[in-house]
C-alpha atoms as a PDB file:
ATOM      1  CA  ALA A   1       1.701  14.751   0.753  1.00  0.00           C
ATOM      2  CA  SER A   2       2.239  16.170  -2.708  1.00  0.00           C
ATOM      3  CA  VAL A   3       5.556  17.969  -3.038  1.00  0.00           C
ATOM      4  CA  ALA A   4       8.042  19.345  -5.541  1.00  0.00           C
ATOM      5  CA  ALA A   5      10.895  16.892  -6.158  1.00  0.00           C
ATOM      6  CA  PRO A   6      12.973  16.896  -2.939  1.00  0.00           C
ATOM      7  CA  ARG A   7      16.759  16.801  -3.038  1.00  0.00           C
ATOM      8  CA  GLN A   8      16.831  15.159   0.389  1.00  0.00           C
ATOM      9  CA  LEU A   9      14.389  13.480   2.733  1.00  0.00           C
ATOM     10  CA  VAL A  10      15.093  13.948   6.440  1.00  0.00           C
ATOM     11  CA  LEU A  11      13.530  11.845   9.196  1.00  0.00           C
ATOM     12  CA  ASN A  12      13.997  13.113  12.760  1.00  0.00           C
ATOM     13  CA  PHE A  13      13.997  10.817  15.789  1.00  0.00           C
ATOM     14  CA  SER A  14      13.960  11.465  19.526  1.00  0.00           C
ATOM     15  CA  GLU A  15      16.910   9.155  20.190  1.00  0.00           C
ATOM     16  CA  ARG A  16      20.401   8.824  18.758  1.00  0.00           C
ATOM     17  CA  LEU A  17      20.759   6.308  15.916  1.00  0.00           C
ATOM     18  CA  GLN A  18      23.356   3.653  15.220  1.00  0.00           C
ATOM     19  CA  PRO A  19      24.591   4.592  11.712  1.00  0.00           C
ATOM     20  CA  LYS A  20      25.693   1.055  10.839  1.00  0.00           C
ATOM     21  CA  PHE A  21      22.136  -0.278  11.258  1.00  0.00           C
ATOM     22  CA  SER A  22      20.057   2.668  10.025  1.00  0.00           C
ATOM     23  CA  THR A  23      18.974   2.499   6.386  1.00  0.00           C
ATOM     24  CA  ALA A  24      16.234   3.441   3.928  1.00  0.00           C
ATOM     25  CA  ARG A  25      14.831   2.295   0.588  1.00  0.00           C
ATOM     26  CA  LEU A  26      12.937   4.480  -1.861  1.00  0.00           C
ATOM     27  CA  THR A  27      10.545   2.852  -4.336  1.00  0.00           C
ATOM     28  CA  ARG A  28       8.196   3.969  -7.072  1.00  0.00           C
ATOM     29  CA  ASN A  29       5.895   1.433  -8.759  1.00  0.00           C
ATOM     30  CA  ASP A  30       7.851  -1.334  -6.986  1.00  0.00           C
ATOM     31  CA  ALA A  31      11.093  -0.196  -8.672  1.00  0.00           C
ATOM     32  CA  GLU A  32      13.845   0.873  -6.304  1.00  0.00           C
ATOM     33  CA  THR A  33      15.444   4.298  -6.683  1.00  0.00           C
ATOM     34  CA  PRO A  34      19.085   4.386  -5.551  1.00  0.00           C
ATOM     35  CA  VAL A  35      19.674   6.476  -2.432  1.00  0.00           C
ATOM     36  CA  LYS A  36      22.503   7.459  -0.122  1.00  0.00           C
ATOM     37  CA  THR A  37      21.521   7.199   3.548  1.00  0.00           C
ATOM     38  CA  VAL A  38      23.475   8.791   6.406  1.00  0.00           C
ATOM     39  CA  VAL A  39      22.818   9.690  10.007  1.00  0.00           C
ATOM     40  CA  GLY A  40      22.945  13.469  10.489  1.00  0.00           C
ATOM     41  CA  LYS A  41      25.553  15.253  12.610  1.00  0.00           C
ATOM     42  CA  ASP A  42      22.980  15.539  15.393  1.00  0.00           C
ATOM     43  CA  GLY A  43      22.943  11.731  15.601  1.00  0.00           C
ATOM     44  CA  ALA A  44      19.134  11.642  15.660  1.00  0.00           C
ATOM     45  CA  SER A  45      18.198  12.288  12.029  1.00  0.00           C
ATOM     46  CA  LEU A  46      18.301  10.007   9.008  1.00  0.00           C
ATOM     47  CA  ILE A  47      19.152  11.851   5.788  1.00  0.00           C
ATOM     48  CA  VAL A  48      18.161  10.152   2.539  1.00  0.00           C
ATOM     49  CA  THR A  49      19.526  11.589  -0.715  1.00  0.00           C
ATOM     50  CA  PRO A  50      18.174  10.191  -4.005  1.00  0.00           C
ATOM     51  CA  GLY A  51      20.874   9.179  -6.489  1.00  0.00           C
ATOM     52  CA  ARG A  52      19.043  10.990  -9.289  1.00  0.00           C
ATOM     53  CA  PRO A  53      16.318  13.651  -9.537  1.00  0.00           C
ATOM     54  CA  LEU A  54      12.875  12.288  -8.704  1.00  0.00           C
ATOM     55  CA  THR A  55      10.301  12.391 -11.481  1.00  0.00           C
ATOM     56  CA  ALA A  56       6.563  12.897 -11.016  1.00  0.00           C
ATOM     57  CA  GLY A  57       4.740  10.027  -9.368  1.00  0.00           C
ATOM     58  CA  ALA A  58       3.977   8.231  -6.103  1.00  0.00           C
ATOM     59  CA  TYR A  59       6.898   7.115  -3.909  1.00  0.00           C
ATOM     60  CA  LYS A  60       7.312   5.119  -0.724  1.00  0.00           C
ATOM     61  CA  LEU A  61      10.248   5.606   1.628  1.00  0.00           C
ATOM     62  CA  HIS A  62      10.776   2.547   3.831  1.00  0.00           C
ATOM     63  CA  TRP A  63      13.121   3.216   6.734  1.00  0.00           C
ATOM     64  CA  GLN A  64      14.559   1.106   9.510  1.00  0.00           C
ATOM     65  CA  VAL A  65      16.767   2.314  12.315  1.00  0.00           C
ATOM     66  CA  VAL A  66      18.406   1.018  15.442  1.00  0.00           C
ATOM     67  CA  THR A  67      18.739   3.463  18.324  1.00  0.00           C
ATOM     68  CA  ALA A  68      21.709   3.772  20.650  1.00  0.00           C
ATOM     69  CA  ASP A  69      19.950   1.518  23.193  1.00  0.00           C
ATOM     70  CA  THR A  70      19.461  -1.136  20.431  1.00  0.00           C
ATOM     71  CA  HIS A  71      15.716  -0.463  20.017  1.00  0.00           C
ATOM     72  CA  LYS A  72      14.698  -1.372  16.430  1.00  0.00           C
ATOM     73  CA  MET A  73      12.094   0.716  14.589  1.00  0.00           C
ATOM     74  CA  GLN A  74      10.812   0.806  11.030  1.00  0.00           C
ATOM     75  CA  GLY A  75       8.120   2.476   9.008  1.00  0.00           C
ATOM     76  CA  ASP A  76       7.008   3.919   5.696  1.00  0.00           C
ATOM     77  CA  VAL A  77       6.427   7.434   4.425  1.00  0.00           C
ATOM     78  CA  ALA A  78       4.385   7.847   1.260  1.00  0.00           C
ATOM     79  CA  PHE A  79       4.523  10.994  -0.864  1.00  0.00           C
ATOM     80  CA  THR A  80       3.813  12.138  -4.395  1.00  0.00           C
ATOM     81  CA  VAL A  81       6.133  14.252  -6.529  1.00  0.00           C
ATOM     82  CA  ARG A  82       4.124  16.602  -8.705  1.00  0.00           C
END
């Protein structure tokens, strides 16, 4: 997807997450962008807030979470800031 620079990225899950083991990394051209990652008040969303405004370019958000029943999941979301 090509989007305007987001202030937050929100991933929604069907199960509650364990905050201590749920994280994300944001990279652009293999350089990591600092982010703050928290589990939302609903317990089933991962909220990723970049530490600085995102500039134009291609990004990859790598996430990994552990659900309340200890099921581990991970994946990537690619997007482009225009």
